[in-house]
Amino acid sequence: MIPEYEFVVIGAGMAGSSVAANLAAHASVRLLEMEDQPGYHSTGRSAAIFSEAYGNELVRAITRAGRAFFYSPPPDFTSIALVKPRQVLIVAHSGQERALEDFLTSTGRAGGMERSSVADAMSLCPVLRPLELVGAAISRDAADIEVHELQRGYLRRLKACHGSLSTGTRVTGIDRSVNGWTINTTQGKVVARTIVNAAGAWAGEIAQLAGAQNIGLRPLKRTACLIRPPSHLAIGAWPMVLNVEEEFYFKPDAGMLLLSPADETTSDPCDAQPEDLDVATAVDHLERATTLRVDRIAQRWAGLRSFVDDQSPVLGYDELQPGFFWLAALGGYGIQTAPALGQIAASLALDRQIEGRLLDFDIDPGLMSPARLLHGGDARLR
């Protein structure tokens, strides 16, 4: 007998885990993951910073709505803190003066962002080259996110609500059925009244299988690596340092420095791998901006961040296929937006009123609707 569920969530990254956990409190839920472990791709490869100054206006509002969850999670969710303080320092080099002014204007006071002097920047990160700096900005309200604990909390909640997780389960076909959808997988068939498409970089492919609309999803590769700092440097309290034009960033990570060229290379959905040139570009930026010298890369990896044209999430029921719900295009913001987006997505999927506390942050679900991306005609993927 084919198992039947009210909701089948495809993709067990942070987005899928959070919405599945929230749905399971009200309905039967099966969470499908093609890899052997949840969070294998973008979730497990994220720099994971909580910053209310990160992203566009909508993303910032969603992030603000999740602050209370990060700093005071439900007592049964986790036994450890989900966030640890980590300031974010935005630096501008010669020729980037206008970019810094534009950044400060666009962010305002979001996330406690304020102008910083070069001297203050040097006090926070003493390896910066002062002659290279023309200005800076600092957010003192940011934090590192304990990604794995956050996801484990959602998966524990899913299990406690009698939801189920299937790993190593790749979706191979999706068909309309009497009860909604029949989902063919490498582990057999599953029937769902509603599909929640939280497949990350593969969300476009899942939509194509279901005959859903084309939202113009673009997976972009980002590279990162770990380097070991000189032993005499106490880097633990350093901020995350980000170039104002996103040429690179670095931050402390378990005694190492996580470094990225902040690249955005168009990619097909895949198990992204780092390119030597991108790693070398990151090292070059670091060595020109600081006094650090990199002799060896301890570890390197890449992940995919998926966007649509307006760089806002896609959240809501498909315009072409009833019973097909999108939770996609989260870009680099999927971790920090998970607490609020997981709740909002579950409410919309269940056709329930969104919790008033979340709407207090002026989040307009219409700005995330797939309808905004349907420009007439047949927009199905071809």
Protein backbone atom coordinates (compact mmCIF):
# COMPACT_ATOMS: atom_id res chain seq x y z
CA MET A 1 0.00 0.00 0.00
CA ILE A 2 1.35 3.43 -0.95
CA PRO A 3 1.80 5.67 2.13
CA GLU A 4 -0.34 8.82 2.09
CA TYR A 5 0.35 12.16 3.78
CA GLU A 6 -1.28 15.54 3.88
CA PHE A 7 2.08 17.15 3.12
CA VAL A 8 5.23 15.84 1.52
CA VAL A 9 8.14 18.28 1.86
CA ILE A 10 10.88 17.79 -0.73
CA GLY A 11 14.31 18.84 0.52
CA ALA A 12 15.58 18.50 4.09
CA GLY A 13 17.81 21.56 4.22
CA MET A 14 17.04 24.23 6.77
CA ALA A 15 13.99 25.51 4.88
CA GLY A 16 12.46 22.07 4.47
CA SER A 17 13.23 21.04 8.04
CA SER A 18 11.69 24.19 9.52
CA VAL A 19 8.47 24.10 7.49
CA ALA A 20 8.07 20.33 8.01
CA ALA A 21 8.39 20.75 11.77
CA ASN A 22 5.81 23.54 11.80
CA LEU A 23 3.39 21.62 9.57
CA ALA A 24 3.69 18.43 11.62
CA ALA A 25 1.99 20.07 14.58
CA HIS A 26 -1.21 20.19 12.51
CA ALA A 27 -0.98 17.55 9.76
CA SER A 28 0.70 14.36 8.64
CA VAL A 29 4.10 15.13 7.09
CA ARG A 30 6.81 13.21 5.25
CA LEU A 31 10.14 14.97 4.63
CA LEU A 32 12.18 13.65 1.70
CA GLU A 33 15.93 14.17 1.27
CA MET A 34 17.91 12.87 -1.70
CA GLU A 35 21.20 12.75 0.23
CA ASP A 36 22.08 10.36 3.04
CA GLN A 37 21.91 13.16 5.59
CA PRO A 38 19.77 16.30 5.91
CA GLY A 39 21.41 19.66 5.30
CA TYR A 40 24.17 18.19 3.13
CA HIS A 41 24.27 20.98 0.54
CA SER A 42 23.76 24.71 1.18
CA THR A 43 22.64 24.35 4.81
CA GLY A 44 25.77 22.48 5.83
CA ARG A 45 28.07 24.83 3.90
CA SER A 46 26.78 28.19 5.09
CA ALA A 47 28.81 30.86 6.85
CA ALA A 48 25.68 31.23 9.01
CA ILE A 49 25.58 34.73 10.40
CA PHE A 50 22.52 36.36 11.97
CA SER A 51 22.44 39.94 10.76
CA GLU A 52 19.42 42.20 10.45
CA ALA A 53 21.41 44.30 7.97
CA TYR A 54 21.80 41.40 5.52
CA GLY A 55 19.61 41.16 2.43
CA ASN A 56 16.92 43.37 0.97
CA GLU A 57 14.20 45.08 3.00
CA LEU A 58 11.92 42.06 3.01
CA VAL A 59 14.69 39.68 4.07
CA ARG A 60 15.65 42.05 6.89
CA ALA A 61 12.08 42.14 8.14
CA ILE A 62 11.85 38.33 8.12
CA THR A 63 15.18 38.16 9.96
CA ARG A 64 13.96 40.60 12.62
CA ALA A 65 10.85 38.49 13.08
CA GLY A 66 13.04 35.49 13.93
CA ARG A 67 15.30 37.23 16.43
CA ALA A 68 13.27 36.19 19.49
CA PHE A 69 13.42 32.54 18.43
CA PHE A 70 17.19 32.61 17.99
CA TYR A 71 17.87 34.32 21.30
CA SER A 72 15.12 32.65 23.37
CA PRO A 73 14.18 29.38 21.69
CA PRO A 74 11.40 27.20 23.14
CA PRO A 75 12.75 25.18 26.09
CA ASP A 76 12.14 21.86 24.32
CA PHE A 77 13.88 22.93 21.12
CA THR A 78 17.53 22.91 22.17
CA SER A 79 19.72 22.62 25.25
CA ILE A 80 22.39 25.00 23.95
CA ALA A 81 22.42 28.58 22.69
CA LEU A 82 21.53 28.93 19.02
CA VAL A 83 23.55 32.12 18.56
CA LYS A 84 26.86 33.52 19.80
CA PRO A 85 27.78 37.22 19.49
CA ARG A 86 29.80 38.08 16.39
CA GLN A 87 30.08 41.67 15.23
CA VAL A 88 30.07 42.36 11.49
CA LEU A 89 32.58 44.88 10.16
CA ILE A 90 32.01 46.33 6.67
CA VAL A 91 35.21 47.75 5.21
CA ALA A 92 35.74 50.06 2.24
CA HIS A 93 38.98 50.47 0.34
CA SER A 94 40.16 53.23 -1.98
CA GLY A 95 37.59 53.86 -4.68
CA GLN A 96 34.74 52.39 -2.62
CA GLU A 97 33.75 55.58 -0.81
CA ARG A 98 30.49 55.90 -2.74
CA ALA A 99 29.67 52.24 -2.20
CA LEU A 100 30.04 52.72 1.56
CA GLU A 101 27.75 55.77 1.56
CA ASP A 102 25.17 53.90 -0.50
CA PHE A 103 25.36 50.94 1.87
CA LEU A 104 24.88 53.09 4.97
CA THR A 105 21.96 54.89 3.33
CA SER A 106 20.24 51.67 2.29
CA THR A 107 20.65 49.90 5.63
CA GLY A 108 19.97 52.87 7.88
CA ARG A 109 20.07 51.57 11.45
CA ALA A 110 19.16 48.02 10.47
CA GLY A 111 20.90 45.51 12.69
CA GLY A 112 22.54 48.28 14.70
CA MET A 113 24.63 49.22 11.67
CA GLU A 114 26.59 52.43 12.23
CA ARG A 115 29.52 54.25 10.68
CA SER A 116 32.90 53.30 12.11
CA SER A 117 36.27 55.03 11.97
CA VAL A 118 39.34 53.36 10.55
CA ALA A 119 40.84 53.39 14.05
CA ASP A 120 37.83 51.55 15.45
CA ALA A 121 37.99 49.05 12.63
CA MET A 122 41.66 48.41 13.40
CA SER A 123 40.90 47.88 17.07
CA LEU A 124 38.37 45.19 16.16
CA CYS A 125 40.58 43.46 13.58
CA PRO A 126 44.24 44.52 14.02
CA VAL A 127 45.52 42.71 10.91
CA LEU A 128 43.71 45.12 8.56
CA ARG A 129 45.97 47.45 6.59
CA PRO A 130 45.01 50.98 7.70
CA LEU A 131 46.41 52.67 4.59
CA GLU A 132 44.07 50.56 2.46
CA LEU A 133 40.94 51.61 4.37
CA VAL A 134 38.86 54.69 3.60
CA GLY A 135 35.97 53.92 5.92
CA ALA A 136 33.97 51.23 7.68
CA ALA A 137 30.65 50.37 9.26
CA ILE A 138 29.92 48.07 12.18
CA SER A 139 26.94 46.01 13.27
CA ARG A 140 27.18 45.11 16.93
CA ASP A 141 23.94 43.10 17.04
CA ALA A 142 25.00 40.24 14.77
CA ALA A 143 25.77 36.68 15.80
CA ASP A 144 27.08 33.33 14.62
CA ILE A 145 24.32 30.74 14.24
CA GLU A 146 24.70 27.16 15.46
CA VAL A 147 23.43 25.73 12.18
CA HIS A 148 23.52 22.04 13.03
CA GLU A 149 21.79 22.53 16.37
CA LEU A 150 19.11 24.68 14.75
CA GLN A 151 18.37 22.00 12.17
CA ARG A 152 18.51 19.19 14.74
CA GLY A 153 15.96 21.12 16.79
CA TYR A 154 13.55 21.21 13.86
CA LEU A 155 14.07 17.53 13.09
CA ARG A 156 13.49 16.60 16.74
CA ARG A 157 10.26 18.63 16.68
CA LEU A 158 9.20 16.90 13.44
CA LYS A 159 9.72 13.49 15.04
CA ALA A 160 7.94 14.51 18.25
CA CYS A 161 4.91 15.48 16.16
CA HIS A 162 4.97 12.05 14.44
CA GLY A 163 6.34 13.39 11.18
CA SER A 164 8.89 11.27 9.32
CA LEU A 165 12.16 11.88 7.48
CA SER A 166 13.39 9.74 4.59
CA THR A 167 17.00 10.21 3.50
CA GLY A 168 18.61 8.76 0.39
CA THR A 169 15.27 9.36 -1.34
CA ARG A 170 15.56 11.10 -4.69
CA VAL A 171 12.38 12.22 -6.43
CA THR A 172 12.25 10.75 -9.94
CA GLY A 173 8.74 11.69 -11.05
CA ILE A 174 5.61 13.53 -9.93
CA ASP A 175 2.10 12.75 -11.19
CA ARG A 176 -1.38 13.99 -10.44
CA SER A 177 -3.42 11.42 -8.53
CA VAL A 178 -6.94 11.13 -7.16
CA ASN A 179 -5.71 12.23 -3.73
CA GLY A 180 -3.43 15.01 -4.98
CA TRP A 181 0.03 13.88 -6.03
CA THR A 182 1.86 10.61 -6.51
CA ILE A 183 5.57 11.16 -5.96
CA ASN A 184 7.88 8.54 -7.42
CA THR A 185 11.19 8.18 -5.59
CA THR A 186 14.18 5.87 -5.53
CA GLN A 187 12.62 4.33 -2.40
CA GLY A 188 9.13 3.82 -3.81
CA LYS A 189 5.98 5.89 -4.20
CA VAL A 190 4.41 8.38 -1.80
CA VAL A 191 1.02 10.08 -2.09
CA ALA A 192 0.54 13.65 -0.87
CA ARG A 193 -2.37 16.05 -0.82
CA THR A 194 0.16 18.90 -1.02
CA ILE A 195 3.79 19.07 -2.13
CA VAL A 196 6.06 21.62 -0.46
CA ASN A 197 8.96 22.36 -2.78
CA ALA A 198 11.92 23.18 -0.52
CA ALA A 199 14.52 21.56 -2.75
CA GLY A 200 16.98 24.46 -2.79
CA ALA A 201 18.98 24.58 -6.02
CA TRP A 202 16.88 21.66 -7.30
CA ALA A 203 13.55 23.48 -6.76
CA GLY A 204 13.29 24.32 -10.45
CA GLU A 205 13.74 20.67 -11.42
CA ILE A 206 11.07 19.56 -8.92
CA ALA A 207 8.71 22.18 -10.38
CA GLN A 208 9.37 20.87 -13.87
CA LEU A 209 8.46 17.33 -12.80
CA ALA A 210 5.16 18.63 -11.41
CA GLY A 211 4.37 20.89 -14.38
CA ALA A 212 4.52 23.96 -12.14
CA GLN A 213 5.48 27.47 -13.17
CA ASN A 214 8.96 28.63 -14.04
CA ILE A 215 10.04 31.14 -11.39
CA GLY A 216 13.40 31.82 -13.04
CA LEU A 217 15.44 30.23 -10.27
CA ARG A 218 19.19 30.79 -10.60
CA PRO A 219 21.59 28.66 -8.51
CA LEU A 220 24.83 30.56 -7.90
CA LYS A 221 28.00 28.92 -6.62
CA ARG A 222 29.86 30.36 -3.66
CA THR A 223 33.30 29.19 -2.57
CA ALA A 224 34.80 29.10 0.92
CA CYS A 225 37.92 27.80 2.59
CA LEU A 226 39.51 27.53 6.00
CA ILE A 227 42.98 28.84 6.81
CA ARG A 228 44.96 28.52 10.01
CA PRO A 229 45.96 31.93 11.44
CA PRO A 230 49.36 32.54 13.05
CA SER A 231 49.43 30.98 16.50
CA HIS A 232 50.19 34.30 18.25
CA LEU A 233 46.93 35.87 17.09
CA ALA A 234 43.87 35.65 19.32
CA ILE A 235 41.17 35.74 16.66
CA GLY A 236 38.19 34.52 18.69
CA ALA A 237 36.70 37.98 19.26
CA TRP A 238 37.35 39.30 15.74
CA PRO A 239 34.28 40.36 13.79
CA MET A 240 33.18 38.97 10.50
CA VAL A 241 34.91 41.29 8.01
CA LEU A 242 33.08 41.93 4.75
CA ASN A 243 34.17 44.15 1.87
CA VAL A 244 31.45 46.71 1.11
CA GLU A 245 31.24 45.58 -2.53
CA GLU A 246 31.31 41.92 -1.43
CA GLU A 247 34.67 41.18 -2.98
CA PHE A 248 35.49 38.89 -0.06
CA TYR A 249 34.74 38.16 3.58
CA PHE A 250 36.37 36.33 6.45
CA LYS A 251 35.39 35.36 9.98
CA PRO A 252 36.68 33.27 12.87
CA ASP A 253 35.44 29.69 12.81
CA ALA A 254 36.47 27.22 15.54
CA GLY A 255 40.01 28.58 15.80
CA MET A 256 40.43 28.95 12.04
CA LEU A 257 39.54 31.72 9.61
CA LEU A 258 36.74 31.05 7.17
CA LEU A 259 37.47 32.94 3.95
CA SER A 260 35.36 33.45 0.83
CA PRO A 261 35.69 35.48 -2.38
CA ALA A 262 31.88 35.97 -2.17
CA ASP A 263 31.66 34.63 -5.71
CA GLU A 264 28.36 34.16 -7.53
CA THR A 265 28.94 31.84 -10.47
CA THR A 266 25.90 30.53 -12.35
CA SER A 267 25.64 26.77 -11.91
CA ASP A 268 23.38 23.86 -12.64
CA PRO A 269 22.04 22.11 -9.52
CA CYS A 270 24.88 19.87 -8.38
CA ASP A 271 27.19 18.91 -5.55
CA ALA A 272 29.18 22.12 -5.99
CA GLN A 273 32.96 21.90 -5.85
CA PRO A 274 35.50 24.71 -5.31
CA GLU A 275 37.68 25.93 -8.16
CA ASP A 276 41.36 26.70 -7.57
CA LEU A 277 40.96 30.14 -9.17
CA ASP A 278 38.17 31.15 -6.78
CA VAL A 279 40.19 30.06 -3.76
CA ALA A 280 43.23 31.95 -5.09
CA THR A 281 41.07 35.05 -5.61
CA ALA A 282 39.92 34.90 -1.99
CA VAL A 283 43.49 34.55 -0.74
CA ASP A 284 44.64 37.46 -2.92
CA HIS A 285 41.93 39.77 -1.52
CA LEU A 286 42.80 38.74 2.04
CA GLU A 287 46.52 39.33 1.60
CA ARG A 288 45.98 42.74 0.04
CA ALA A 289 43.53 43.84 2.72
CA THR A 290 45.42 42.47 5.74
CA THR A 291 48.91 41.62 6.91
CA LEU A 292 48.08 37.90 6.87
CA ARG A 293 49.92 35.51 4.58
CA VAL A 294 48.39 32.21 3.54
CA ASP A 295 50.77 29.28 3.20
CA ARG A 296 48.23 26.48 3.11
CA ILE A 297 44.49 25.95 2.70
CA ALA A 298 43.25 23.62 5.42
CA GLN A 299 39.91 22.90 3.80
CA ARG A 300 37.89 24.15 0.85
CA TRP A 301 34.29 23.72 -0.32
CA ALA A 302 31.51 25.34 -2.35
CA GLY A 303 27.75 25.62 -2.05
CA LEU A 304 24.82 26.88 -4.12
CA ARG A 305 22.71 29.92 -3.23
CA SER A 306 19.55 30.23 -5.30
CA PHE A 307 17.85 33.49 -6.29
CA VAL A 308 15.09 34.89 -8.47
CA ASP A 309 15.41 38.29 -10.11
CA ASP A 310 14.16 40.43 -7.19
CA GLN A 311 16.29 38.48 -4.66
CA SER A 312 13.29 37.87 -2.39
CA PRO A 313 12.11 34.40 -1.31
CA VAL A 314 9.42 32.56 -3.23
CA LEU A 315 6.74 31.41 -0.81
CA GLY A 316 3.20 30.29 -1.56
CA TYR A 317 1.02 28.13 -3.78
CA ASP A 318 1.92 27.78 -7.44
CA GLU A 319 -0.15 29.71 -9.97
CA LEU A 320 -0.43 26.77 -12.38
CA GLN A 321 -0.63 23.69 -10.17
CA PRO A 322 -2.99 23.62 -7.17
CA GLY A 323 -1.51 21.78 -4.23
CA PHE A 324 2.06 22.66 -5.18
CA PHE A 325 3.62 25.01 -2.60
CA TRP A 326 6.90 26.88 -3.04
CA LEU A 327 9.52 27.55 -0.36
CA ALA A 328 12.51 28.46 -2.50
CA ALA A 329 14.94 31.14 -3.71
CA LEU A 330 16.23 31.84 -0.21
CA GLY A 331 19.62 32.96 -1.49
CA GLY A 332 22.17 33.21 1.29
CA TYR A 333 19.47 34.00 3.85
CA GLY A 334 17.89 30.60 4.45
CA ILE A 335 19.46 30.02 7.84
CA GLN A 336 18.75 33.39 9.42
CA THR A 337 15.18 33.51 8.06
CA ALA A 338 14.25 29.92 8.97
CA PRO A 339 12.42 30.60 12.26
CA ALA A 340 10.02 33.15 10.76
CA LEU A 341 9.74 31.70 7.24
CA GLY A 342 9.09 28.19 8.57
CA GLN A 343 6.10 29.48 10.55
CA ILE A 344 4.80 31.74 7.78
CA ALA A 345 5.12 29.00 5.16
CA ALA A 346 3.27 26.48 7.34
CA SER A 347 0.45 28.94 8.02
CA LEU A 348 0.01 29.72 4.31
CA ALA A 349 0.20 26.05 3.32
CA LEU A 350 -2.42 25.16 5.94
CA ASP A 351 -4.57 28.17 4.97
CA ARG A 352 -4.32 29.45 8.54
CA GLN A 353 -3.91 33.00 9.76
CA ILE A 354 -0.29 34.03 10.15
CA GLU A 355 0.65 34.66 13.75
CA GLY A 356 0.12 38.33 14.55
CA ARG A 357 3.54 38.63 16.15
CA LEU A 358 5.14 37.89 12.77
CA LEU A 359 2.94 40.37 10.91
CA ASP A 360 4.02 43.04 13.39
CA PHE A 361 7.28 43.19 11.42
CA ASP A 362 5.50 44.43 8.27
CA ILE A 363 6.09 41.23 6.34
CA ASP A 364 3.84 41.17 3.28
CA PRO A 365 3.43 37.55 2.07
CA GLY A 366 2.29 38.91 -1.29
CA LEU A 367 5.83 40.11 -1.95
CA MET A 368 6.95 36.48 -1.80
CA SER A 369 4.11 34.94 -3.81
CA PRO A 370 4.97 32.94 -6.95
CA ALA A 371 2.28 35.03 -8.67
CA ARG A 372 4.70 37.95 -8.94
CA LEU A 373 6.90 35.83 -11.19
CA LEU A 374 4.21 34.71 -13.61
CA HIS A 375 4.26 37.15 -16.54
CA GLY A 376 1.41 35.83 -18.61
CA GLY A 377 1.27 32.90 -20.99
CA ASP A 378 2.40 29.40 -20.17
CA ALA A 379 5.31 29.79 -17.77
CA ARG A 380 5.86 26.07 -17.25
CA LEU A 381 9.45 24.94 -17.34
CA ARG A 382 10.45 23.55 -20.69
